[in-house]
Amino acid sequence: MQTPPKLRAVALEHDGVVTAAEAREHGLDRSAVHRRVAIGDWVRVGPRLYRLADHPVTDRTTTRIATLSVGPSAILSGSAAAWWHGIVDDRPGTITVTAPRGRHGPPVKGVRILNRSLDDADVLIRRDLRVTGVALSALEGAVELGAEVIDSALQQRRITVERLEEAYGRRHRCVGAAEMGPMVALLESGARPAAERFAVAILDAAGIDGWVADHPSCGYEIDLAFVAHMLAVEIDGFAFHRDAGTFQRDRTRRNALIAAGWTVLNFTWADLTERADHVASSIRQALSVAA
């Protein structure tokens, strides 16, 4: 009992997943669907939701099933949405799905369900699945996984700072906004000045002194220099601001400092805001080696 060719084509486009509504659109009533499940051609994977038995179970398959299991109006969100957009490489273990307010239904294994309303500007259809837009996906993904998610979206030119600011403006009173706000604020200046302030705060908190800011050497200014130890701490800021020319200038600068006898440590603002202990221990270790 073969699946109608047109319906099979739809299922293959949808990662092997078929909904009851799609089956009806292609002439299969409830009994026809049940027969296909009974003989093993289809596998029931959720309410009114089926998978072609001969289709591999991929990450996209399980993500689509998880989203549609929440309901027909469900929206893939957060870091899972960022993954669906191709902003991050790995699908998260727990998938966040937005459901309409007032949804009544059972929990879905491996799914965090958010009952909320989203602005139309923050929802789109990607590969025939409702998903949060790139800007909101990047912002919420960054809350879950770190600022590199935003950086990745910007480097790929999938979104602009202006779109991120607009998406944040629509969510500034909602869950996650407190974490999004500082990241959005840092974007306006490329994060460098603020990142330098983070670095100074880390040094102060760790009791590390003996540094000077903007120390001249080799025709450059070192962000934070421990002159007596010839240790240079350089702040990279957001990577999306670093085009090919900037990247080359930074490498030339680093090589010149190393050739002049400096030990150079580079930190991103994500290092400073999310891995402060690592930053402090790296600097402390470099100072002890140079002592």
Protein backbone atom coordinates (compact mmCIF):
# COMPACT_ATOMS: atom_id res chain seq x y z
CA MET A 1 0.00 0.00 0.00
CA GLN A 2 2.11 2.84 -1.30
CA THR A 3 1.93 6.42 -0.11
CA PRO A 4 0.49 8.58 -2.93
CA PRO A 5 3.47 10.00 -4.88
CA LYS A 6 2.54 13.64 -4.29
CA LEU A 7 2.07 13.07 -0.57
CA ARG A 8 5.36 11.20 -0.39
CA ALA A 9 7.09 14.13 -2.09
CA VAL A 10 5.62 16.45 0.55
CA ALA A 11 6.76 14.12 3.33
CA LEU A 12 10.30 13.99 1.95
CA GLU A 13 10.39 17.79 1.88
CA HIS A 14 9.23 17.71 5.51
CA ASP A 15 11.96 15.39 6.80
CA GLY A 16 9.78 12.29 6.43
CA VAL A 17 6.92 13.71 8.52
CA VAL A 18 3.25 13.66 7.49
CA THR A 19 0.38 15.35 9.31
CA ALA A 20 -3.19 14.08 9.30
CA ALA A 21 -4.22 17.28 7.55
CA GLU A 22 -1.74 16.66 4.74
CA ALA A 23 -2.98 13.09 4.39
CA ARG A 24 -6.56 14.35 3.99
CA GLU A 25 -5.46 16.91 1.41
CA HIS A 26 -4.08 14.02 -0.66
CA GLY A 27 -7.16 11.85 -0.42
CA LEU A 28 -6.36 9.64 2.58
CA ASP A 29 -9.09 9.42 5.21
CA ARG A 30 -8.57 8.27 8.80
CA SER A 31 -8.99 4.57 7.99
CA ALA A 32 -6.45 4.80 5.15
CA VAL A 33 -3.97 6.38 7.53
CA HIS A 34 -4.60 3.68 10.15
CA ARG A 35 -4.03 0.94 7.58
CA ARG A 36 -0.65 2.38 6.67
CA VAL A 37 0.31 2.49 10.34
CA ALA A 38 -0.96 -1.07 10.85
CA ILE A 39 1.17 -2.53 8.03
CA GLY A 40 4.24 -0.57 9.14
CA ASP A 41 4.52 1.88 6.23
CA TRP A 42 3.96 4.80 8.58
CA VAL A 43 4.89 5.28 12.23
CA ARG A 44 2.68 7.31 14.53
CA VAL A 45 4.94 9.81 16.28
CA GLY A 46 2.45 12.21 17.84
CA PRO A 47 -1.13 13.42 17.82
CA ARG A 48 -2.23 13.33 14.15
CA LEU A 49 1.43 13.11 13.25
CA TYR A 50 3.24 10.35 11.34
CA ARG A 51 6.66 9.49 9.90
CA LEU A 52 7.43 7.46 6.80
CA ALA A 53 8.89 4.21 8.14
CA ASP A 54 11.61 4.12 5.48
CA HIS A 55 12.80 7.67 6.17
CA PRO A 56 15.89 8.07 8.40
CA VAL A 57 15.29 9.71 11.76
CA THR A 58 17.45 12.82 11.48
CA ASP A 59 17.82 15.75 13.85
CA ARG A 60 15.53 17.73 11.56
CA THR A 61 12.97 14.93 11.69
CA THR A 62 12.90 14.84 15.49
CA THR A 63 12.86 18.64 15.72
CA ARG A 64 9.93 18.92 13.34
CA ILE A 65 8.07 16.20 15.24
CA ALA A 66 8.77 17.87 18.59
CA THR A 67 7.50 21.22 17.33
CA LEU A 68 4.35 19.90 15.67
CA SER A 69 3.60 17.70 18.69
CA VAL A 70 3.03 20.88 20.69
CA GLY A 71 0.33 21.94 18.23
CA PRO A 72 -0.29 23.11 14.67
CA SER A 73 0.42 26.73 15.65
CA ALA A 74 3.61 25.93 17.56
CA ILE A 75 6.78 27.88 16.77
CA LEU A 76 10.31 26.50 17.08
CA SER A 77 12.25 28.95 19.26
CA GLY A 78 15.47 29.70 21.12
CA SER A 79 18.74 27.95 20.35
CA ALA A 80 16.86 25.20 18.46
CA ALA A 81 15.54 27.87 16.10
CA ALA A 82 19.06 29.28 15.75
CA TRP A 83 20.19 25.77 14.79
CA TRP A 84 17.30 25.41 12.30
CA HIS A 85 18.44 28.68 10.69
CA GLY A 86 22.02 27.39 10.49
CA ILE A 87 23.41 29.95 12.92
CA VAL A 88 24.74 27.30 15.32
CA ASP A 89 26.13 23.90 14.42
CA ASP A 90 24.61 21.62 17.06
CA ARG A 91 20.98 21.07 17.91
CA PRO A 92 20.36 21.53 21.66
CA GLY A 93 19.28 18.57 23.74
CA THR A 94 16.15 20.37 24.93
CA ILE A 95 14.08 22.13 22.29
CA THR A 96 12.18 25.32 23.07
CA VAL A 97 8.81 25.69 21.38
CA THR A 98 6.42 28.63 21.61
CA ALA A 99 2.73 27.79 21.95
CA PRO A 100 -0.25 30.15 21.94
CA ARG A 101 -1.38 31.45 25.30
CA GLY A 102 -4.04 29.22 26.75
CA ARG A 103 -2.75 26.06 25.11
CA HIS A 104 -4.10 22.98 26.82
CA GLY A 105 -2.22 19.81 26.13
CA PRO A 106 0.20 17.30 27.61
CA PRO A 107 3.92 18.01 27.97
CA VAL A 108 6.19 16.82 25.16
CA LYS A 109 9.32 14.89 26.06
CA GLY A 110 12.50 16.88 25.46
CA VAL A 111 10.56 20.09 24.80
CA ARG A 112 10.37 23.27 26.85
CA ILE A 113 7.05 24.90 26.02
CA LEU A 114 6.66 28.66 26.32
CA ASN A 115 3.07 29.91 26.32
CA ARG A 116 3.35 33.39 24.89
CA SER A 117 2.39 35.68 22.04
CA LEU A 118 4.96 36.74 19.47
CA ASP A 119 4.87 39.70 17.12
CA ASP A 120 4.28 38.74 13.47
CA ALA A 121 7.67 40.28 12.68
CA ASP A 122 9.33 37.66 14.88
CA VAL A 123 7.82 34.60 13.17
CA LEU A 124 8.55 33.13 9.76
CA ILE A 125 8.28 29.81 7.93
CA ARG A 126 11.56 28.03 7.18
CA ARG A 127 11.40 24.65 5.42
CA ASP A 128 7.64 24.67 6.01
CA LEU A 129 8.02 24.94 9.78
CA ARG A 130 6.99 27.92 11.89
CA VAL A 131 10.10 29.28 13.57
CA THR A 132 11.17 32.49 15.28
CA GLY A 133 12.91 34.95 12.97
CA VAL A 134 16.68 35.10 12.72
CA ALA A 135 17.03 38.13 15.00
CA LEU A 136 14.94 36.74 17.86
CA SER A 137 16.43 33.27 17.38
CA ALA A 138 19.93 34.75 17.69
CA LEU A 139 19.02 36.75 20.79
CA GLU A 140 17.31 33.85 22.55
CA GLY A 141 20.02 31.46 21.39
CA ALA A 142 22.62 33.76 22.92
CA VAL A 143 20.77 33.70 26.25
CA GLU A 144 20.97 29.89 26.19
CA LEU A 145 24.38 29.30 24.62
CA GLY A 146 26.38 32.53 24.84
CA ALA A 147 27.05 35.65 22.81
CA GLU A 148 28.81 33.69 20.04
CA VAL A 149 25.35 32.93 18.63
CA ILE A 150 24.77 36.61 17.89
CA ASP A 151 28.29 36.94 16.53
CA SER A 152 27.74 33.98 14.22
CA ALA A 153 24.50 35.43 12.82
CA LEU A 154 26.18 38.77 12.18
CA GLN A 155 29.29 37.24 10.61
CA GLN A 156 27.10 35.21 8.26
CA ARG A 157 25.27 38.42 7.37
CA ARG A 158 22.01 36.74 8.31
CA ILE A 159 20.95 39.76 10.33
CA THR A 160 21.98 43.32 11.16
CA VAL A 161 22.52 45.11 14.44
CA GLU A 162 19.45 47.23 13.64
CA ARG A 163 17.24 44.13 13.28
CA LEU A 164 18.58 42.75 16.56
CA GLU A 165 17.76 46.03 18.30
CA GLU A 166 14.25 45.98 16.83
CA ALA A 167 13.65 42.38 17.94
CA TYR A 168 14.93 43.20 21.42
CA GLY A 169 12.63 46.23 21.54
CA ARG A 170 9.65 43.97 20.96
CA ARG A 171 10.74 41.58 23.73
CA HIS A 172 12.36 43.97 26.23
CA ARG A 173 9.81 43.21 28.96
CA CYS A 174 9.74 39.45 28.36
CA VAL A 175 11.61 36.35 29.52
CA GLY A 176 15.31 36.60 28.70
CA ALA A 177 15.26 40.35 28.14
CA ALA A 178 17.52 41.02 31.13
CA GLU A 179 20.24 38.89 29.51
CA MET A 180 19.63 40.24 26.00
CA GLY A 181 19.86 43.91 26.98
CA PRO A 182 23.59 44.10 27.79
CA MET A 183 24.49 42.17 24.64
CA VAL A 184 22.45 44.51 22.44
CA ALA A 185 23.96 47.56 24.15
CA LEU A 186 27.46 46.27 23.47
CA LEU A 187 26.76 45.78 19.77
CA GLU A 188 26.45 49.49 19.07
CA SER A 189 30.14 50.14 19.65
CA GLY A 190 31.41 46.73 18.59
CA ALA A 191 31.82 45.89 22.26
CA ARG A 192 35.46 46.94 22.41
CA PRO A 193 35.28 49.83 24.92
CA ALA A 194 32.84 47.92 27.10
CA ALA A 195 34.93 44.76 26.82
CA GLU A 196 37.97 46.67 28.03
CA ARG A 197 35.95 47.79 31.05
CA PHE A 198 35.01 44.15 31.68
CA ALA A 199 38.70 43.24 31.56
CA VAL A 200 39.59 45.91 34.10
CA ALA A 201 36.78 44.72 36.39
CA ILE A 202 38.07 41.14 36.16
CA LEU A 203 41.60 42.23 37.04
CA ASP A 204 40.33 44.29 39.98
CA ALA A 205 38.17 41.43 41.28
CA ALA A 206 41.10 39.02 41.01
CA GLY A 207 43.47 41.41 42.76
CA ILE A 208 45.76 41.61 39.73
CA ASP A 209 47.51 44.97 39.41
CA GLY A 210 50.59 46.41 37.77
CA TRP A 211 48.99 47.06 34.37
CA VAL A 212 48.55 50.19 32.29
CA ALA A 213 46.02 50.88 29.55
CA ASP A 214 46.85 51.90 25.97
CA HIS A 215 50.58 51.42 26.41
CA PRO A 216 52.55 52.43 23.25
CA SER A 217 54.84 49.82 21.70
CA CYS A 218 56.00 49.03 18.16
CA GLY A 219 53.83 51.78 16.73
CA TYR A 220 50.69 50.37 18.40
CA GLU A 221 48.79 50.83 21.65
CA ILE A 222 48.44 47.72 23.80
CA ASP A 223 44.99 47.51 25.37
CA LEU A 224 46.27 46.43 28.80
CA ALA A 225 50.01 46.06 29.33
CA PHE A 226 51.98 44.58 32.21
CA VAL A 227 55.13 46.40 31.17
CA ALA A 228 57.47 44.91 33.78
CA HIS A 229 56.51 41.41 32.63
CA MET A 230 56.22 42.24 28.90
CA LEU A 231 52.68 40.83 28.90
CA ALA A 232 50.13 42.33 26.52
CA VAL A 233 46.41 41.70 26.99
CA GLU A 234 44.47 42.42 23.81
CA ILE A 235 40.67 42.66 23.54
CA ASP A 236 39.19 41.40 20.28
CA GLY A 237 35.60 42.54 20.74
CA PHE A 238 32.89 41.17 18.46
CA ALA A 239 34.25 39.07 15.62
CA PHE A 240 31.66 40.34 13.14
CA HIS A 241 33.41 43.72 13.12
CA ARG A 242 36.64 42.03 12.08
CA ASP A 243 36.72 42.07 8.29
CA ALA A 244 39.68 40.72 6.31
CA GLY A 245 41.57 44.01 6.59
CA THR A 246 41.04 44.27 10.33
CA PHE A 247 42.01 40.64 10.81
CA GLN A 248 45.26 41.15 8.89
CA ARG A 249 46.12 44.33 10.80
CA ASP A 250 45.55 42.53 14.10
CA ARG A 251 47.80 39.66 13.03
CA THR A 252 50.51 42.11 11.94
CA ARG A 253 50.19 43.93 15.26
CA ARG A 254 50.39 40.68 17.23
CA ASN A 255 53.43 39.48 15.29
CA ALA A 256 55.21 42.80 15.83
CA LEU A 257 54.59 42.67 19.59
CA ILE A 258 55.76 39.07 19.86
CA ALA A 259 58.88 39.86 17.83
CA ALA A 260 59.60 42.70 20.27
CA GLY A 261 59.49 40.25 23.19
CA TRP A 262 55.91 40.64 24.37
CA THR A 263 53.75 37.70 25.41
CA VAL A 264 50.32 38.39 23.90
CA LEU A 265 47.01 37.12 25.28
CA ASN A 266 43.87 37.73 23.22
CA PHE A 267 40.38 37.60 24.72
CA THR A 268 36.96 38.08 23.17
CA TRP A 269 34.20 39.90 24.99
CA ALA A 270 32.46 36.53 25.33
CA ASP A 271 35.56 35.35 27.25
CA LEU A 272 35.28 38.37 29.50
CA THR A 273 31.54 38.17 30.15
CA GLU A 274 31.15 34.39 30.34
CA ARG A 275 34.58 32.98 31.31
CA ALA A 276 35.97 35.56 33.69
CA ASP A 277 37.72 32.97 35.88
CA HIS A 278 39.52 31.60 32.82
CA VAL A 279 40.65 35.10 31.84
CA ALA A 280 41.99 35.84 35.31
CA SER A 281 43.77 32.49 35.65
CA SER A 282 45.33 32.81 32.17
CA ILE A 283 46.73 36.25 33.00
CA ARG A 284 47.92 35.16 36.42
CA GLN A 285 49.68 32.13 34.92
CA ALA A 286 51.35 34.22 32.22
CA LEU A 287 52.57 36.67 34.87
CA SER A 288 54.02 33.85 36.97
CA VAL A 289 55.88 32.45 33.97
CA ALA A 290 57.29 35.87 33.15
CA ALA A 291 58.33 36.62 36.73
